[in-house]
Amino acid sequence: MPRMIVNDRPVDIAMDPRTPLLWALRDAANLTGTKYGCGVGGCGACTVMVDGAALRACLVTLSECEGRFITTIEGLSPDRSHPVQQAMVAEQAIQCGFCTPGIVMAAAALLARNANPSDDEIRDAIPNLCRCGVQPRLLEAVRRAARVMRRETTLHAAPVPGIAPADAARTTPALSPAPSGDTPR
C-alpha cells in the first residue's frame, strides 16, 4: 500500500502500486481538481506538484510517489488566495476551466523556484494545452503573480468560497473598480 503526503496529510492508498497517481487522486482520494486529459502526458491537465516539481499525474505511478509530498490544486490554496489563482482571474486567463488546475500547478511550481521568470521560461515551464486559447493572457497572469510573490504589488481578484453573490459583485474587479492596492500593469 503506497504511502505519501497529499496536501499536507499522510495518505495510504489501497491501490495497485502501478496505478497512475492521477487515478489514485481522483478515485481513491476524491481530489477531482486534477483532470484527466490525454492520459499520455501531452496536455498537462493532470499536473500536480510532487516534492515541489510540476509532474503529470498520469505518468507517475503510486510506487514512484511512495514517501513523497504531493500537492494538488485543492491543496495549493483552499481559499483560492494563491497569487497564481488570483492572477489567472484578474487577467481573465480562464475560459472553460478544464485545463486551469494543471496550468495553475505548473505556474505555481515555476514561481516557487524562480520568482522572476522570462516569457521563454514561462512558456517552457507551462507547455499545457488550452483549447480555449488563453496563452497570451496566461503569460501576463504568471508575470502578475510573480510581481505579487516578489511583493511588488498586491492582488485580490477572486472572492473566497462561500461568499454571497451580492458580496462577490462588490469585491470582484471585473464587476467593480480595482482596489486601491492593485497596481495597473
N, C-alpha and C. Protein backbone atom coordinates (compact mmCIF):
# COMPACT_ATOMS: atom_id res chain seq x y z
N MET A 1 0.85 -1.17 0.00
CA MET A 1 0.00 0.00 0.00
C MET A 1 0.90 1.24 0.00
N PRO A 2 0.92 1.99 -1.10
CA PRO A 2 1.77 3.18 -1.16
C PRO A 2 1.34 4.25 -0.16
N ARG A 3 2.33 4.83 0.51
CA ARG A 3 2.09 5.90 1.48
C ARG A 3 2.76 7.16 0.98
N MET A 4 2.05 8.26 1.15
CA MET A 4 2.58 9.55 0.71
C MET A 4 1.89 10.65 1.51
N ILE A 5 2.36 11.87 1.34
CA ILE A 5 1.72 13.03 1.96
C ILE A 5 1.00 13.76 0.83
N VAL A 6 -0.32 13.86 0.94
CA VAL A 6 -1.12 14.54 -0.08
C VAL A 6 -1.76 15.76 0.57
N ASN A 7 -1.43 16.91 0.05
CA ASN A 7 -1.96 18.17 0.58
C ASN A 7 -1.74 18.27 2.08
N ASP A 8 -0.52 17.95 2.49
CA ASP A 8 -0.08 18.04 3.89
C ASP A 8 -0.72 17.01 4.82
N ARG A 9 -1.31 15.97 4.26
CA ARG A 9 -1.90 14.91 5.09
C ARG A 9 -1.32 13.56 4.69
N PRO A 10 -0.93 12.74 5.67
CA PRO A 10 -0.45 11.40 5.33
C PRO A 10 -1.59 10.57 4.75
N VAL A 11 -1.30 9.85 3.68
CA VAL A 11 -2.32 9.07 3.00
C VAL A 11 -1.74 7.70 2.66
N ASP A 12 -2.52 6.66 2.93
CA ASP A 12 -2.23 5.30 2.48
C ASP A 12 -3.26 4.99 1.41
N ILE A 13 -2.80 4.66 0.22
CA ILE A 13 -3.73 4.40 -0.87
C ILE A 13 -3.73 2.90 -1.17
N ALA A 14 -4.88 2.28 -0.98
CA ALA A 14 -5.02 0.84 -1.19
C ALA A 14 -5.34 0.55 -2.65
N MET A 15 -4.34 0.78 -3.49
CA MET A 15 -4.48 0.51 -4.92
C MET A 15 -3.19 -0.14 -5.37
N ASP A 16 -3.23 -0.76 -6.53
CA ASP A 16 -2.04 -1.36 -7.12
C ASP A 16 -0.95 -0.29 -7.24
N PRO A 17 0.27 -0.56 -6.78
CA PRO A 17 1.34 0.43 -6.85
C PRO A 17 1.66 0.91 -8.27
N ARG A 18 1.22 0.16 -9.29
CA ARG A 18 1.46 0.57 -10.68
C ARG A 18 0.39 1.53 -11.19
N THR A 19 -0.61 1.81 -10.36
CA THR A 19 -1.68 2.73 -10.74
C THR A 19 -1.12 4.14 -10.91
N PRO A 20 -1.51 4.83 -11.99
CA PRO A 20 -1.09 6.22 -12.12
C PRO A 20 -1.63 7.06 -10.96
N LEU A 21 -0.81 7.98 -10.50
CA LEU A 21 -1.20 8.88 -9.41
C LEU A 21 -2.52 9.58 -9.72
N LEU A 22 -2.74 9.93 -10.97
CA LEU A 22 -3.98 10.60 -11.37
C LEU A 22 -5.21 9.86 -10.88
N TRP A 23 -5.25 8.56 -11.11
CA TRP A 23 -6.44 7.79 -10.74
C TRP A 23 -6.55 7.61 -9.24
N ALA A 24 -5.42 7.52 -8.55
CA ALA A 24 -5.47 7.43 -7.09
C ALA A 24 -6.03 8.72 -6.50
N LEU A 25 -5.57 9.85 -7.02
CA LEU A 25 -6.07 11.14 -6.53
C LEU A 25 -7.56 11.28 -6.80
N ARG A 26 -7.98 10.98 -8.02
CA ARG A 26 -9.38 11.17 -8.39
C ARG A 26 -10.30 10.13 -7.76
N ASP A 27 -9.91 8.85 -7.85
CA ASP A 27 -10.82 7.78 -7.43
C ASP A 27 -10.71 7.42 -5.95
N ALA A 28 -9.50 7.39 -5.40
CA ALA A 28 -9.34 6.98 -4.01
C ALA A 28 -9.40 8.17 -3.05
N ALA A 29 -8.82 9.29 -3.44
CA ALA A 29 -8.76 10.45 -2.55
C ALA A 29 -9.86 11.48 -2.83
N ASN A 30 -10.64 11.28 -3.88
CA ASN A 30 -11.73 12.18 -4.27
C ASN A 30 -11.23 13.62 -4.49
N LEU A 31 -10.02 13.75 -5.00
CA LEU A 31 -9.46 15.06 -5.35
C LEU A 31 -9.61 15.23 -6.86
N THR A 32 -10.77 15.67 -7.26
CA THR A 32 -11.13 15.68 -8.67
C THR A 32 -10.70 16.95 -9.41
N GLY A 33 -10.00 17.86 -8.73
CA GLY A 33 -9.47 19.03 -9.41
C GLY A 33 -8.38 18.67 -10.41
N THR A 34 -7.71 17.55 -10.16
CA THR A 34 -6.70 17.04 -11.09
C THR A 34 -7.45 16.35 -12.22
N LYS A 35 -7.34 16.86 -13.41
CA LYS A 35 -8.16 16.39 -14.54
C LYS A 35 -7.46 15.35 -15.39
N TYR A 36 -8.27 14.45 -15.95
CA TYR A 36 -7.79 13.52 -16.97
C TYR A 36 -7.99 14.20 -18.31
N GLY A 37 -6.89 14.35 -19.04
CA GLY A 37 -6.98 14.95 -20.37
C GLY A 37 -6.66 13.93 -21.43
N CYS A 38 -5.38 13.69 -21.65
CA CYS A 38 -4.97 12.79 -22.73
C CYS A 38 -4.49 11.44 -22.23
N GLY A 39 -4.02 11.36 -21.00
CA GLY A 39 -3.53 10.10 -20.45
C GLY A 39 -2.12 9.73 -20.86
N VAL A 40 -1.45 10.57 -21.65
CA VAL A 40 -0.09 10.26 -22.09
C VAL A 40 0.90 11.39 -21.77
N GLY A 41 0.50 12.32 -20.92
CA GLY A 41 1.39 13.39 -20.50
C GLY A 41 1.54 14.54 -21.47
N GLY A 42 0.72 14.59 -22.49
CA GLY A 42 0.86 15.62 -23.51
C GLY A 42 0.13 16.91 -23.22
N CYS A 43 -0.99 16.86 -22.50
CA CYS A 43 -1.82 18.06 -22.37
C CYS A 43 -1.58 18.84 -21.09
N GLY A 44 -1.18 18.18 -20.02
CA GLY A 44 -0.90 18.86 -18.77
C GLY A 44 -2.10 19.08 -17.86
N ALA A 45 -3.28 18.61 -18.24
CA ALA A 45 -4.46 18.81 -17.40
C ALA A 45 -4.32 18.16 -16.03
N CYS A 46 -3.48 17.14 -15.94
CA CYS A 46 -3.32 16.39 -14.69
C CYS A 46 -2.11 16.84 -13.87
N THR A 47 -1.53 17.98 -14.18
CA THR A 47 -0.31 18.42 -13.49
C THR A 47 -0.57 18.64 -12.00
N VAL A 48 0.30 18.07 -11.19
CA VAL A 48 0.33 18.26 -9.75
C VAL A 48 1.78 18.54 -9.37
N MET A 49 2.02 18.91 -8.13
CA MET A 49 3.39 19.06 -7.66
C MET A 49 3.77 17.84 -6.84
N VAL A 50 4.91 17.28 -7.18
CA VAL A 50 5.47 16.16 -6.43
C VAL A 50 6.81 16.66 -5.90
N ASP A 51 6.89 16.77 -4.58
CA ASP A 51 8.08 17.36 -3.95
C ASP A 51 8.42 18.71 -4.56
N GLY A 52 7.40 19.50 -4.89
CA GLY A 52 7.59 20.84 -5.41
C GLY A 52 7.77 20.95 -6.90
N ALA A 53 7.95 19.83 -7.59
CA ALA A 53 8.14 19.85 -9.05
C ALA A 53 6.81 19.55 -9.75
N ALA A 54 6.53 20.27 -10.83
CA ALA A 54 5.32 20.02 -11.60
C ALA A 54 5.50 18.74 -12.40
N LEU A 55 4.63 17.77 -12.14
CA LEU A 55 4.67 16.49 -12.86
C LEU A 55 3.28 16.13 -13.35
N ARG A 56 3.25 15.37 -14.44
CA ARG A 56 1.98 14.89 -14.99
C ARG A 56 1.55 13.67 -14.19
N ALA A 57 0.44 13.77 -13.49
CA ALA A 57 -0.03 12.69 -12.63
C ALA A 57 -0.40 11.44 -13.41
N CYS A 58 -0.66 11.56 -14.69
CA CYS A 58 -0.98 10.37 -15.49
C CYS A 58 0.26 9.54 -15.80
N LEU A 59 1.44 10.13 -15.62
CA LEU A 59 2.69 9.44 -15.95
C LEU A 59 3.45 8.93 -14.73
N VAL A 60 3.01 9.30 -13.54
CA VAL A 60 3.70 8.92 -12.30
C VAL A 60 2.88 7.85 -11.59
N THR A 61 3.53 6.75 -11.23
CA THR A 61 2.80 5.67 -10.55
C THR A 61 2.80 5.90 -9.04
N LEU A 62 1.91 5.21 -8.38
CA LEU A 62 1.86 5.28 -6.92
C LEU A 62 3.18 4.85 -6.30
N SER A 63 3.79 3.80 -6.84
CA SER A 63 5.06 3.35 -6.27
C SER A 63 6.13 4.42 -6.39
N GLU A 64 6.10 5.22 -7.45
CA GLU A 64 7.07 6.30 -7.61
C GLU A 64 6.80 7.45 -6.64
N CYS A 65 5.60 7.49 -6.09
CA CYS A 65 5.22 8.57 -5.16
C CYS A 65 5.39 8.18 -3.70
N GLU A 66 5.77 6.95 -3.47
CA GLU A 66 5.97 6.45 -2.10
C GLU A 66 6.85 7.41 -1.31
N GLY A 67 6.33 7.90 -0.17
CA GLY A 67 7.09 8.77 0.71
C GLY A 67 7.27 10.19 0.24
N ARG A 68 6.62 10.57 -0.83
CA ARG A 68 6.81 11.91 -1.40
C ARG A 68 5.66 12.84 -1.00
N PHE A 69 5.87 14.14 -1.22
CA PHE A 69 4.88 15.16 -0.91
C PHE A 69 4.16 15.54 -2.20
N ILE A 70 2.86 15.32 -2.22
CA ILE A 70 2.02 15.62 -3.39
C ILE A 70 1.15 16.82 -3.05
N THR A 71 1.10 17.80 -3.96
CA THR A 71 0.19 18.92 -3.80
C THR A 71 -0.69 18.99 -5.02
N THR A 72 -2.00 18.99 -4.79
CA THR A 72 -2.98 19.12 -5.87
C THR A 72 -3.54 20.55 -5.84
N ILE A 73 -4.36 20.87 -6.80
CA ILE A 73 -4.98 22.19 -6.84
C ILE A 73 -5.77 22.46 -5.56
N GLU A 74 -6.38 21.42 -4.99
CA GLU A 74 -7.15 21.59 -3.75
C GLU A 74 -6.24 21.96 -2.59
N GLY A 75 -5.01 21.50 -2.61
CA GLY A 75 -4.08 21.77 -1.51
C GLY A 75 -3.21 23.00 -1.72
N LEU A 76 -3.19 23.52 -2.94
CA LEU A 76 -2.36 24.70 -3.21
C LEU A 76 -2.83 25.88 -2.37
N SER A 77 -4.12 26.08 -2.35
CA SER A 77 -4.70 27.19 -1.60
C SER A 77 -6.20 26.94 -1.49
N PRO A 78 -6.62 26.36 -0.38
CA PRO A 78 -8.05 26.03 -0.24
C PRO A 78 -8.99 27.22 -0.41
N ASP A 79 -8.49 28.44 -0.13
CA ASP A 79 -9.36 29.61 -0.26
C ASP A 79 -9.11 30.39 -1.56
N ARG A 80 -8.38 29.79 -2.48
CA ARG A 80 -8.08 30.37 -3.79
C ARG A 80 -7.29 31.68 -3.70
N SER A 81 -6.48 31.82 -2.65
CA SER A 81 -5.73 33.05 -2.46
C SER A 81 -4.31 33.00 -3.01
N HIS A 82 -3.90 31.86 -3.56
CA HIS A 82 -2.54 31.78 -4.12
C HIS A 82 -2.41 32.82 -5.23
N PRO A 83 -1.28 33.52 -5.30
CA PRO A 83 -1.12 34.57 -6.32
C PRO A 83 -1.39 34.10 -7.75
N VAL A 84 -1.06 32.87 -8.09
CA VAL A 84 -1.33 32.40 -9.45
C VAL A 84 -2.84 32.30 -9.67
N GLN A 85 -3.56 31.77 -8.70
CA GLN A 85 -5.02 31.67 -8.85
C GLN A 85 -5.64 33.07 -8.98
N GLN A 86 -5.19 33.99 -8.14
CA GLN A 86 -5.72 35.35 -8.17
C GLN A 86 -5.40 36.03 -9.51
N ALA A 87 -4.17 35.86 -9.98
CA ALA A 87 -3.76 36.50 -11.24
C ALA A 87 -4.49 35.90 -12.44
N MET A 88 -4.75 34.60 -12.40
CA MET A 88 -5.49 33.97 -13.50
C MET A 88 -6.88 34.59 -13.62
N VAL A 89 -7.52 34.87 -12.49
CA VAL A 89 -8.83 35.51 -12.50
C VAL A 89 -8.71 36.96 -12.97
N ALA A 90 -7.76 37.68 -12.38
CA ALA A 90 -7.61 39.10 -12.70
C ALA A 90 -7.29 39.34 -14.17
N GLU A 91 -6.52 38.45 -14.77
CA GLU A 91 -6.13 38.61 -16.17
C GLU A 91 -7.09 37.91 -17.13
N GLN A 92 -8.16 37.36 -16.60
CA GLN A 92 -9.15 36.63 -17.38
C GLN A 92 -8.49 35.55 -18.23
N ALA A 93 -7.58 34.81 -17.59
CA ALA A 93 -6.85 33.74 -18.27
C ALA A 93 -7.51 32.39 -18.04
N ILE A 94 -8.81 32.41 -17.83
CA ILE A 94 -9.57 31.17 -17.64
C ILE A 94 -10.76 31.23 -18.59
N GLN A 95 -10.94 30.19 -19.36
CA GLN A 95 -12.12 30.13 -20.22
C GLN A 95 -13.03 29.02 -19.71
N CYS A 96 -12.94 27.83 -20.28
CA CYS A 96 -13.82 26.75 -19.83
C CYS A 96 -13.38 26.22 -18.47
N GLY A 97 -12.10 26.35 -18.14
CA GLY A 97 -11.61 25.94 -16.82
C GLY A 97 -11.08 24.53 -16.72
N PHE A 98 -11.27 23.71 -17.74
CA PHE A 98 -10.84 22.31 -17.64
C PHE A 98 -9.34 22.19 -17.43
N CYS A 99 -8.56 22.94 -18.18
CA CYS A 99 -7.10 22.85 -18.09
C CYS A 99 -6.52 23.70 -16.98
N THR A 100 -7.32 24.57 -16.39
CA THR A 100 -6.83 25.55 -15.43
C THR A 100 -6.08 24.96 -14.24
N PRO A 101 -6.58 23.90 -13.59
CA PRO A 101 -5.82 23.37 -12.44
C PRO A 101 -4.40 22.95 -12.81
N GLY A 102 -4.22 22.30 -13.93
CA GLY A 102 -2.89 21.89 -14.35
C GLY A 102 -1.99 23.08 -14.66
N ILE A 103 -2.56 24.10 -15.30
CA ILE A 103 -1.80 25.31 -15.61
C ILE A 103 -1.39 26.01 -14.32
N VAL A 104 -2.32 26.14 -13.39
CA VAL A 104 -2.02 26.79 -12.12
C VAL A 104 -0.92 26.05 -11.37
N MET A 105 -0.98 24.73 -11.35
CA MET A 105 0.04 23.96 -10.64
C MET A 105 1.41 24.10 -11.30
N ALA A 106 1.45 24.10 -12.62
CA ALA A 106 2.73 24.28 -13.33
C ALA A 106 3.28 25.68 -13.06
N ALA A 107 2.42 26.69 -13.08
CA ALA A 107 2.86 28.07 -12.83
C ALA A 107 3.33 28.23 -11.38
N ALA A 108 2.60 27.65 -10.44
CA ALA A 108 2.99 27.75 -9.03
C ALA A 108 4.35 27.09 -8.78
N ALA A 109 4.59 25.95 -9.41
CA ALA A 109 5.88 25.27 -9.26
C ALA A 109 6.99 26.13 -9.86
N LEU A 110 6.74 26.74 -11.01
CA LEU A 110 7.73 27.62 -11.63
C LEU A 110 8.07 28.78 -10.70
N LEU A 111 7.04 29.47 -10.21
CA LEU A 111 7.29 30.66 -9.40
C LEU A 111 7.89 30.33 -8.03
N ALA A 112 7.69 29.12 -7.56
CA ALA A 112 8.31 28.71 -6.30
C ALA A 112 9.83 28.60 -6.45
N ARG A 113 10.27 28.27 -7.65
CA ARG A 113 11.72 28.13 -7.87
C ARG A 113 12.34 29.32 -8.59
N ASN A 114 11.51 30.16 -9.23
CA ASN A 114 12.01 31.30 -9.98
C ASN A 114 10.97 32.41 -9.89
N ALA A 115 11.20 33.37 -9.04
CA ALA A 115 10.22 34.44 -8.81
C ALA A 115 10.22 35.52 -9.88
N ASN A 116 11.12 35.41 -10.86
CA ASN A 116 11.18 36.41 -11.92
C ASN A 116 11.48 35.74 -13.26
N PRO A 117 10.57 34.87 -13.72
CA PRO A 117 10.85 34.15 -14.97
C PRO A 117 10.66 35.02 -16.20
N SER A 118 11.44 34.71 -17.24
CA SER A 118 11.26 35.36 -18.53
C SER A 118 10.06 34.72 -19.23
N ASP A 119 9.61 35.34 -20.29
CA ASP A 119 8.49 34.76 -21.05
C ASP A 119 8.85 33.38 -21.58
N ASP A 120 10.09 33.20 -22.03
CA ASP A 120 10.52 31.89 -22.53
C ASP A 120 10.51 30.86 -21.41
N GLU A 121 10.93 31.25 -20.22
CA GLU A 121 10.91 30.32 -19.08
C GLU A 121 9.48 29.96 -18.72
N ILE A 122 8.57 30.91 -18.81
CA ILE A 122 7.15 30.63 -18.53
C ILE A 122 6.62 29.64 -19.57
N ARG A 123 6.89 29.91 -20.84
CA ARG A 123 6.42 29.00 -21.90
C ARG A 123 6.99 27.59 -21.73
N ASP A 124 8.27 27.50 -21.37
CA ASP A 124 8.90 26.18 -21.17
C ASP A 124 8.31 25.44 -19.98
N ALA A 125 8.01 26.18 -18.91
CA ALA A 125 7.50 25.55 -17.69
C ALA A 125 6.02 25.20 -17.78
N ILE A 126 5.30 25.88 -18.68
CA ILE A 126 3.85 25.66 -18.79
C ILE A 126 3.49 25.34 -20.23
N PRO A 127 3.86 24.14 -20.70
CA PRO A 127 3.52 23.76 -22.07
C PRO A 127 2.10 23.19 -22.19
N ASN A 128 1.32 23.33 -21.13
CA ASN A 128 -0.03 22.77 -21.09
C ASN A 128 -0.86 23.24 -22.27
N LEU A 129 -1.71 22.36 -22.75
CA LEU A 129 -2.59 22.70 -23.86
C LEU A 129 -3.87 23.33 -23.34
N CYS A 130 -4.29 24.39 -23.98
CA CYS A 130 -5.57 25.03 -23.67
C CYS A 130 -6.28 25.26 -24.99
N ARG A 131 -7.34 24.52 -25.20
CA ARG A 131 -8.08 24.65 -26.46
C ARG A 131 -8.80 25.98 -26.58
N CYS A 132 -9.01 26.66 -25.46
CA CYS A 132 -9.70 27.95 -25.49
C CYS A 132 -8.77 29.09 -25.88
N GLY A 133 -7.46 28.87 -25.83
CA GLY A 133 -6.51 29.87 -26.29
C GLY A 133 -6.16 30.97 -25.29
N VAL A 134 -5.98 30.62 -24.02
CA VAL A 134 -5.67 31.65 -23.02
C VAL A 134 -4.18 32.00 -22.97
N GLN A 135 -3.35 31.39 -23.81
CA GLN A 135 -1.90 31.56 -23.69
C GLN A 135 -1.45 33.02 -23.60
N PRO A 136 -1.92 33.95 -24.43
CA PRO A 136 -1.45 35.34 -24.29
C PRO A 136 -1.77 35.93 -22.91
N ARG A 137 -2.96 35.66 -22.41
CA ARG A 137 -3.33 36.17 -21.09
C ARG A 137 -2.62 35.39 -19.99
N LEU A 138 -2.29 34.14 -20.27
CA LEU A 138 -1.58 33.31 -19.30
C LEU A 138 -0.21 33.91 -18.99
N LEU A 139 0.49 34.35 -20.00
CA LEU A 139 1.80 34.98 -19.77
C LEU A 139 1.68 36.16 -18.83
N GLU A 140 0.72 37.02 -19.07
CA GLU A 140 0.55 38.18 -18.19
C GLU A 140 0.10 37.75 -16.80
N ALA A 141 -0.71 36.73 -16.69
CA ALA A 141 -1.13 36.25 -15.37
C ALA A 141 0.06 35.75 -14.57
N VAL A 142 0.96 35.01 -15.20
CA VAL A 142 2.14 34.50 -14.49
C VAL A 142 3.06 35.66 -14.13
N ARG A 143 3.23 36.61 -15.04
CA ARG A 143 4.05 37.79 -14.72
C ARG A 143 3.47 38.54 -13.53
N ARG A 144 2.16 38.68 -13.52
CA ARG A 144 1.49 39.41 -12.43
C ARG A 144 1.61 38.65 -11.12
N ALA A 145 1.43 37.35 -11.16
CA ALA A 145 1.59 36.53 -9.95
C ALA A 145 3.02 36.64 -9.43
N ALA A 146 3.98 36.68 -10.33
CA ALA A 146 5.39 36.81 -9.93
C ALA A 146 5.62 38.14 -9.22
N ARG A 147 5.01 39.22 -9.73
CA ARG A 147 5.15 40.52 -9.06
C ARG A 147 4.56 40.48 -7.65
N VAL A 148 3.45 39.78 -7.51
CA VAL A 148 2.84 39.64 -6.19
C VAL A 148 3.76 38.84 -5.27
N MET A 149 4.32 37.77 -5.78
CA MET A 149 5.19 36.93 -4.96
C MET A 149 6.49 37.65 -4.59
N ARG A 150 6.92 38.59 -5.43
CA ARG A 150 8.10 39.40 -5.12
C ARG A 150 7.73 40.60 -4.24
N ARG A 151 6.46 40.70 -3.89
CA ARG A 151 5.92 41.78 -3.04
C ARG A 151 6.04 43.16 -3.69
N GLU A 152 5.95 43.19 -5.00
CA GLU A 152 5.97 44.46 -5.73
C GLU A 152 4.58 45.05 -5.87
N THR A 153 3.57 44.22 -5.70
CA THR A 153 2.18 44.67 -5.81
C THR A 153 1.31 43.72 -5.00
N THR A 154 0.06 44.07 -4.87
CA THR A 154 -0.91 43.18 -4.23
C THR A 154 -2.00 42.87 -5.24
N LEU A 155 -2.76 41.84 -4.92
CA LEU A 155 -3.80 41.41 -5.85
C LEU A 155 -4.88 40.69 -5.07
N HIS A 156 -6.10 41.09 -5.29
CA HIS A 156 -7.24 40.43 -4.67
C HIS A 156 -8.32 40.34 -5.75
N ALA A 157 -8.37 39.21 -6.43
CA ALA A 157 -9.26 39.12 -7.58
C ALA A 157 -10.46 38.21 -7.37
N ALA A 158 -10.26 37.09 -6.70
CA ALA A 158 -11.34 36.11 -6.60
C ALA A 158 -11.92 36.12 -5.20
N PRO A 159 -13.23 36.13 -5.09
CA PRO A 159 -13.83 36.06 -3.76
C PRO A 159 -13.56 34.69 -3.13
N VAL A 160 -13.50 34.67 -1.83
CA VAL A 160 -13.27 33.41 -1.13
C VAL A 160 -14.50 32.52 -1.23
N PRO A 161 -14.34 31.20 -1.08
CA PRO A 161 -15.50 30.30 -1.15
C PRO A 161 -16.56 30.69 -0.13
N GLY A 162 -17.81 30.52 -0.50
CA GLY A 162 -18.91 30.77 0.41
C GLY A 162 -19.39 32.21 0.43
N ILE A 163 -18.78 33.06 -0.37
CA ILE A 163 -19.21 34.46 -0.39
C ILE A 163 -20.55 34.57 -1.11
N ALA A 164 -21.40 35.42 -0.63
CA ALA A 164 -22.71 35.62 -1.24
C ALA A 164 -22.53 36.31 -2.59
N PRO A 165 -23.37 35.98 -3.58
CA PRO A 165 -23.24 36.60 -4.91
C PRO A 165 -23.24 38.13 -4.86
N ALA A 166 -24.07 38.72 -4.01
CA ALA A 166 -24.11 40.19 -3.93
C ALA A 166 -22.78 40.73 -3.41
N ASP A 167 -22.19 40.04 -2.44
CA ASP A 167 -20.89 40.48 -1.92
C ASP A 167 -19.81 40.28 -2.97
N ALA A 168 -19.89 39.20 -3.73
CA ALA A 168 -18.90 38.96 -4.78
C ALA A 168 -18.95 40.06 -5.82
N ALA A 169 -20.14 40.51 -6.17
CA ALA A 169 -20.28 41.58 -7.16
C ALA A 169 -19.63 42.87 -6.68
N ARG A 170 -19.62 43.07 -5.37
CA ARG A 170 -18.99 44.28 -4.83
C ARG A 170 -17.47 44.16 -4.76
N THR A 171 -16.93 42.93 -4.72
CA THR A 171 -15.49 42.78 -4.49
C THR A 171 -14.71 42.23 -5.67
N THR A 172 -15.37 41.83 -6.73
CA THR A 172 -14.68 41.25 -7.88
C THR A 172 -14.30 42.34 -8.87
N PRO A 173 -12.99 42.42 -9.25
CA PRO A 173 -12.55 43.50 -10.15
C PRO A 173 -13.31 43.59 -11.45
N ALA A 174 -13.77 42.48 -11.97
CA ALA A 174 -14.48 42.52 -13.25
C ALA A 174 -15.82 43.23 -13.11
N LEU A 175 -16.32 43.30 -11.89
CA LEU A 175 -17.63 43.89 -11.66
C LEU A 175 -17.56 45.24 -10.96
N SER A 176 -16.39 45.64 -10.51
CA SER A 176 -16.24 46.91 -9.80
C SER A 176 -14.83 47.44 -10.04
N PRO A 177 -14.57 48.70 -9.68
CA PRO A 177 -13.22 49.24 -9.84
C PRO A 177 -12.20 48.43 -9.05
N ALA A 178 -10.96 48.42 -9.50
CA ALA A 178 -9.88 47.69 -8.83
C ALA A 178 -9.63 48.31 -7.46
N PRO A 179 -9.31 47.46 -6.46
CA PRO A 179 -8.98 48.00 -5.13
C PRO A 179 -7.77 48.93 -5.23
N SER A 180 -7.67 49.87 -4.31
CA SER A 180 -6.60 50.85 -4.39
C SER A 180 -5.21 50.22 -4.28
N GLY A 181 -5.06 49.05 -3.65
CA GLY A 181 -3.77 48.39 -3.54
C GLY A 181 -3.31 47.71 -4.81
N ASP A 182 -4.19 47.57 -5.78
CA ASP A 182 -3.85 46.91 -7.04
C ASP A 182 -3.11 47.88 -7.94
N THR A 183 -2.01 47.47 -8.45
CA THR A 183 -1.25 48.33 -9.35
C THR A 183 -1.60 47.98 -10.78
N PRO A 184 -1.85 48.95 -11.63
CA PRO A 184 -2.12 48.60 -13.03
C PRO A 184 -0.89 47.99 -13.67
N ARG A 185 -1.09 47.16 -14.67
CA ARG A 185 0.05 46.53 -15.32
C ARG A 185 0.69 47.43 -16.31
